[in-house]
């Protein structure tokens, strides 16, 4: 296979991936709407669930923790380190961040840009 065929196939695959992502976004949105409608129905009938077509559809209450903004998380960690008696919480925070990161590994990345005509 020649390099032209590789580049053409790569372009086609990237375009198809983009189309799939757009389609999946719509499907996820519709799925959320349907789940909301089913939940509304169950609440209106004052039921926790129902059986339909060999499936059990159950409404459960769960806790969800939204992610904190980076700035708030950083401040909270520094405050915790300070209350634990760490002398320099700023330095300890940066060391903590470095420890969490893996060792860097070199790899090659292929970048494709359209040229101006």
Protein backbone atom coordinates (compact mmCIF):
# COMPACT_ATOMS: atom_id res chain seq x y z
CA UNK A 1 0.00 0.00 0.00
CA UNK A 2 1.36 3.42 -0.91
CA UNK A 3 1.63 6.44 1.36
CA UNK A 4 -1.16 8.18 -0.60
CA UNK A 5 -3.55 5.36 0.24
CA UNK A 6 -2.56 5.54 3.91
CA UNK A 7 -3.18 9.29 4.06
CA UNK A 8 -6.50 9.03 2.20
CA UNK A 9 -7.72 6.22 4.44
CA UNK A 10 -6.64 8.14 7.56
CA UNK A 11 -8.59 11.19 6.38
CA UNK A 12 -11.69 9.08 5.71
CA UNK A 13 -11.43 7.43 9.13
CA UNK A 14 -11.04 10.76 10.92
CA UNK A 15 -14.07 12.16 9.09
CA UNK A 16 -16.13 9.11 10.02
CA UNK A 17 -15.05 9.37 13.67
CA UNK A 18 -16.11 13.02 13.68
CA UNK A 19 -19.52 12.10 12.22
CA UNK A 20 -19.96 9.31 14.78
CA UNK A 21 -19.15 11.71 17.62
CA UNK A 22 -21.77 14.17 16.37
CA UNK A 23 -24.35 11.39 16.02
CA UNK A 24 -23.53 9.95 19.45
CA UNK A 25 -23.94 13.39 21.04
CA UNK A 26 -27.51 13.52 19.74
CA UNK A 27 -28.18 9.95 20.87
CA UNK A 28 -26.89 10.69 24.38
CA UNK A 29 -29.09 13.78 24.59
CA UNK A 30 -32.17 11.84 23.47
CA UNK A 31 -31.35 9.05 25.93
CA UNK A 32 -31.22 11.56 28.79
CA UNK A 33 -34.58 13.02 27.71
CA UNK A 34 -36.17 9.56 27.68
CA UNK A 35 -34.72 8.71 31.10
CA UNK A 36 -36.14 11.98 32.45
CA UNK A 37 -39.57 11.15 30.98
CA UNK A 38 -39.52 7.67 32.54
CA UNK A 39 -38.47 9.15 35.90
CA UNK A 40 -41.28 11.73 35.71
CA UNK A 41 -43.76 8.96 34.96
CA UNK A 42 -42.57 6.87 37.91
CA UNK A 43 -42.76 9.91 40.23
CA UNK A 44 -46.26 10.80 39.01
CA UNK A 45 -47.45 7.25 39.70
CA UNK A 46 -45.56 7.23 43.03
CA UNK A 47 -43.67 4.07 42.08
CA UNK A 48 -40.04 3.06 42.51
CA UNK A 49 -39.96 0.96 39.37
CA UNK A 50 -41.79 -1.18 36.90
CA UNK A 51 -41.40 -4.30 34.77
CA UNK A 52 -41.59 -4.09 31.02
CA UNK A 53 -40.69 -6.57 28.31
CA UNK A 54 -38.50 -8.72 30.57
CA UNK A 55 -36.72 -5.71 32.04
CA UNK A 56 -36.88 -4.18 35.49
CA UNK A 57 -36.73 -0.39 35.42
CA UNK A 58 -35.91 0.91 38.88
CA UNK A 59 -35.49 4.50 40.05
CA UNK A 60 -32.76 4.82 42.66
CA UNK A 61 -31.52 7.79 44.65
CA UNK A 62 -27.75 8.11 44.41
CA UNK A 63 -25.26 10.74 45.45
CA UNK A 64 -23.24 12.53 42.86
CA UNK A 65 -20.24 14.66 43.69
CA UNK A 66 -19.62 17.34 41.12
CA UNK A 67 -15.98 18.10 40.39
CA UNK A 68 -14.51 21.10 42.13
CA UNK A 69 -12.80 23.78 40.10
CA UNK A 70 -9.01 23.37 40.03
CA UNK A 71 -8.42 26.56 42.01
CA UNK A 72 -10.79 25.48 44.83
CA UNK A 73 -9.27 22.00 44.97
CA UNK A 74 -5.78 23.46 45.20
CA UNK A 75 -6.77 25.81 48.03
CA UNK A 76 -8.53 23.02 49.94
CA UNK A 77 -5.51 20.72 49.71
CA UNK A 78 -3.17 23.48 50.88
CA UNK A 79 -5.49 24.24 53.80
CA UNK A 80 -5.59 20.55 54.74
CA UNK A 81 -1.81 20.30 54.61
CA UNK A 82 -1.56 23.40 56.79
CA UNK A 83 -3.98 21.99 59.38
CA UNK A 84 -1.97 18.75 59.44
CA UNK A 85 1.07 20.77 60.46
CA UNK A 86 3.04 20.83 57.22
CA UNK A 87 5.48 23.74 57.37
CA UNK A 88 5.33 24.73 53.69
CA UNK A 89 1.95 23.64 52.24
CA UNK A 90 2.69 25.26 48.85
CA UNK A 91 5.85 23.19 48.36
CA UNK A 92 4.18 20.04 49.70
CA UNK A 93 1.27 20.54 47.27
CA UNK A 94 3.60 20.78 44.28
CA UNK A 95 5.52 17.71 45.46
CA UNK A 96 2.23 15.86 45.81
CA UNK A 97 1.31 16.77 42.25
CA UNK A 98 4.66 15.55 40.93
CA UNK A 99 4.37 12.25 42.80
CA UNK A 100 0.96 11.61 41.21
CA UNK A 101 2.33 12.00 37.69
CA UNK A 102 3.88 9.05 35.92
CA UNK A 103 7.32 9.09 34.41
CA UNK A 104 7.40 10.77 31.00
CA UNK A 105 7.67 8.47 27.99
CA UNK A 106 8.78 9.72 24.60
CA UNK A 107 6.56 8.98 21.62
CA UNK A 108 6.03 10.32 18.12
CA UNK A 109 2.89 12.18 17.13
CA UNK A 110 1.67 12.64 13.58
CA UNK A 111 0.14 16.07 12.87
CA UNK A 112 -1.85 16.69 9.70
CA UNK A 113 -2.78 20.22 8.64
CA UNK A 114 -4.47 21.51 5.54
CA UNK A 115 -2.27 23.76 3.45
CA UNK A 116 -3.55 27.13 2.19
CA UNK A 117 -4.42 27.13 -1.49
